[in-house]
Each structure stands twice: as structure tokens, then as C-alpha cells.
Amino acid sequence: MTSRATSADPAPANRLALVALRAYGSLAIGLACVHLALPSLWDRAGALQEMVDSMRWALLALNTYWSLLIVLTAVLALAIARHRWWKLAAGRWTLGAVAVYWLLHAAYLLARPFPLPESLGSLSAVFVGLPLLKAALLVTPVVVGLRSR
């Protein structure tokens, strides 16, 4: 048995699944890189220096490990794309689980918006829109995989 679910994927739906997974992978890696840079941006403003040591450590650890988990989801999505695993139940479950995370992330941001200065208020839509976009990109290959069964 080969590592791919099938040997050829000529259908437009399969190409759509590939594009969606590759787009998710790129977007997630970009987001993780931005998040990894945030503490240094905050540090320049002095905000991290004013925190209690244990809170600063916790914030940096949470940010670092969250960013690494997002990179991991990107790598998983890219591996699923590479091997066409969206056609397999395990691949669809994996993508579905990550999509649920992003949907919950968006719901949380709708219920408790990120505090922004009024001048940056329009960014709230971006903060909700990005997780919804990521969920949509992950659900696309799940639907393609289910339809091809």
C-alpha cells in the first residue's frame, strides 16, 4: 500500500482540497510567526518588564506553546494534503477537530472581544474572521473527502 489514499487526483474537488489545506498551512505558520514576535514587540513598550516575574513567564510560555501548536496543526494539514489523507477517516477527523478549535476560538472572540483601543476597533472583525477562515479552509477537504466516499 502506498502512502497516498489514491494514486491520482484529477477532480477539481481534490484540487480544491489541496489548495485549502496548503492555504491553511501557510496562514497558520504565518500566524504562529507573528505570535512568536509579539512578546518582543510588547517588551519594547516595557509592558512585560512591569509584570510580576511569574506572570511574565506564564504569558511567554503560553504564547510560545500556543504558537508551536499552531505550527503543528499547519504541519498536520500539509501532511494531509501531501498524502491526500482527507480521503481517510483519520484525516477528516483530524481536520475536523482543528476546525472545531478555530470555531470555538471565533465564538470566544465574539462573546469576549479582544480589548483594543477605539482607533483599532475594526481589527475585531479581523480577529474573528481569521479563525472562521481557518475553519472553512479545514472543513473544505473534509467535505470533499466525504463526497468522494
Foldseek 3Di string as FASTA:
>chain_A
DDLAPDDDDPDPLLVLLLVLLLVLLVLLLVVLVVLLCVVVVVVVVVPLVPDDPVVSVVVNVVSNVVSVVSNVLSVLSNSCSVRVCLLPPVSLVSLQVLLVVLQVQLVVCVVPPDDDPPVCVVCSCVSNVVSNSSSVSSVSSNVVNVVVD
